[in-house]
Amino acid sequence: MGRSRIDWNIKIEAVEKYKRGEGTLASIAQEYGVKKSSIRRWILNYESMGPSGLAPQASNRRYTLELKTAAVEEYLRGEGSQMEICKRYQIRSEKQLRD
């Protein structure tokens, strides 16, 4: 099954619905036909970068060596979960941090 693109306005709507307490991760994910992990990632990006964090990207974002090193070192020192480190450094997904 291929990845379908969800309009960024729909992502904002889903995140704001969750933040207002109008549903759980599971219920909102089901409503929008996505996985809970997608909603969780949308929330992370929204909280760290604002609504523009959910906008489609023309190309992959490039992170400086200094940012990548600092993020990985903080994680290895136990200064936050992968999600928290990504939010702190505005990294769009935990996979990018792991890589």
Protein backbone atom coordinates (compact mmCIF):
# COMPACT_ATOMS: atom_id res chain seq x y z
CA MET A 1 0.00 0.00 0.00
CA GLY A 2 1.48 3.37 -1.05
CA ARG A 3 1.66 6.45 1.08
CA SER A 4 -1.21 8.81 0.46
CA ARG A 5 -0.74 12.52 0.90
CA ILE A 6 -3.02 14.17 3.42
CA ASP A 7 -3.68 17.85 2.75
CA TRP A 8 -1.85 19.97 5.31
CA ASN A 9 -5.06 21.82 6.24
CA ILE A 10 -6.56 18.46 7.21
CA LYS A 11 -3.48 17.72 9.32
CA ILE A 12 -3.87 21.07 11.10
CA GLU A 13 -7.55 20.34 11.68
CA ALA A 14 -6.73 16.92 13.18
CA VAL A 15 -3.98 18.30 15.44
CA GLU A 16 -6.10 21.18 16.68
CA LYS A 17 -9.00 18.80 17.34
CA TYR A 18 -6.66 16.67 19.47
CA LYS A 19 -5.25 19.70 21.31
CA ARG A 20 -8.79 20.89 22.12
CA GLY A 21 -9.50 17.50 23.67
CA GLU A 22 -12.07 16.53 21.06
CA GLY A 23 -10.74 13.01 20.69
CA THR A 24 -7.97 10.59 21.52
CA LEU A 25 -5.04 9.78 19.27
CA ALA A 26 -6.80 6.56 18.33
CA SER A 27 -10.18 8.12 17.56
CA ILE A 28 -8.71 10.97 15.52
CA ALA A 29 -6.42 8.58 13.63
CA GLN A 30 -9.41 6.41 12.80
CA GLU A 31 -11.48 9.43 11.74
CA TYR A 32 -8.78 10.57 9.30
CA GLY A 33 -7.78 7.08 8.19
CA VAL A 34 -4.17 7.25 9.39
CA LYS A 35 -2.03 5.55 12.04
CA LYS A 36 -1.72 6.95 15.56
CA SER A 37 1.99 7.43 14.91
CA SER A 38 1.12 9.82 12.06
CA ILE A 39 -1.06 11.94 14.35
CA ARG A 40 1.70 11.89 16.99
CA ARG A 41 4.25 13.08 14.39
CA TRP A 42 1.88 15.81 13.16
CA ILE A 43 1.48 17.04 16.75
CA LEU A 44 5.26 17.06 17.24
CA ASN A 45 5.82 19.06 14.05
CA TYR A 46 2.96 21.44 14.83
CA GLU A 47 4.26 22.11 18.35
CA SER A 48 7.87 22.64 17.29
CA MET A 49 7.35 24.55 14.02
CA GLY A 50 3.77 25.79 14.12
CA PRO A 51 1.23 25.09 11.37
CA SER A 52 3.94 25.48 8.72
CA GLY A 53 5.53 22.32 10.13
CA LEU A 54 2.71 20.40 8.49
CA ALA A 55 3.03 22.06 5.09
CA PRO A 56 4.31 19.99 2.19
CA GLN A 57 8.05 20.27 1.68
CA ALA A 58 9.44 21.06 -1.76
CA SER A 59 12.60 19.15 -0.85
CA ASN A 60 14.10 17.36 2.10
CA ARG A 61 15.30 19.62 4.85
CA ARG A 62 19.05 19.69 5.43
CA TYR A 63 20.34 19.77 8.98
CA THR A 64 23.75 21.16 9.87
CA LEU A 65 26.39 18.83 11.24
CA GLU A 66 26.35 20.85 14.48
CA LEU A 67 22.59 20.43 14.92
CA LYS A 68 22.73 16.70 14.17
CA THR A 69 25.64 16.18 16.57
CA ALA A 70 24.00 18.17 19.36
CA ALA A 71 20.69 16.32 18.96
CA VAL A 72 22.30 12.87 18.97
CA GLU A 73 24.55 13.70 21.94
CA GLU A 74 21.57 14.98 23.98
CA TYR A 75 19.66 11.81 23.21
CA LEU A 76 22.61 9.57 24.13
CA ARG A 77 23.02 11.47 27.43
CA GLY A 78 19.39 10.68 28.21
CA GLU A 79 18.23 14.30 28.05
CA GLY A 80 14.95 13.41 26.41
CA SER A 81 13.09 10.90 24.32
CA GLN A 82 13.55 10.77 20.57
CA MET A 83 10.30 12.69 20.19
CA GLU A 84 11.37 15.38 22.69
CA ILE A 85 14.76 15.83 21.00
CA CYS A 86 13.10 16.10 17.59
CA LYS A 87 10.73 18.73 18.93
CA ARG A 88 13.58 20.69 20.56
CA TYR A 89 15.64 20.73 17.35
CA GLN A 90 12.73 20.94 14.89
CA ILE A 91 13.62 17.61 13.32
CA ARG A 92 10.60 16.36 11.39
CA SER A 93 10.72 12.69 12.45
CA GLU A 94 12.38 10.33 14.89
CA LYS A 95 13.71 8.30 11.95
CA GLN A 96 15.87 11.25 10.94
CA LEU A 97 17.30 11.39 14.45
CA ARG A 98 17.97 7.65 14.49
CA ASP A 99 19.68 7.79 11.10
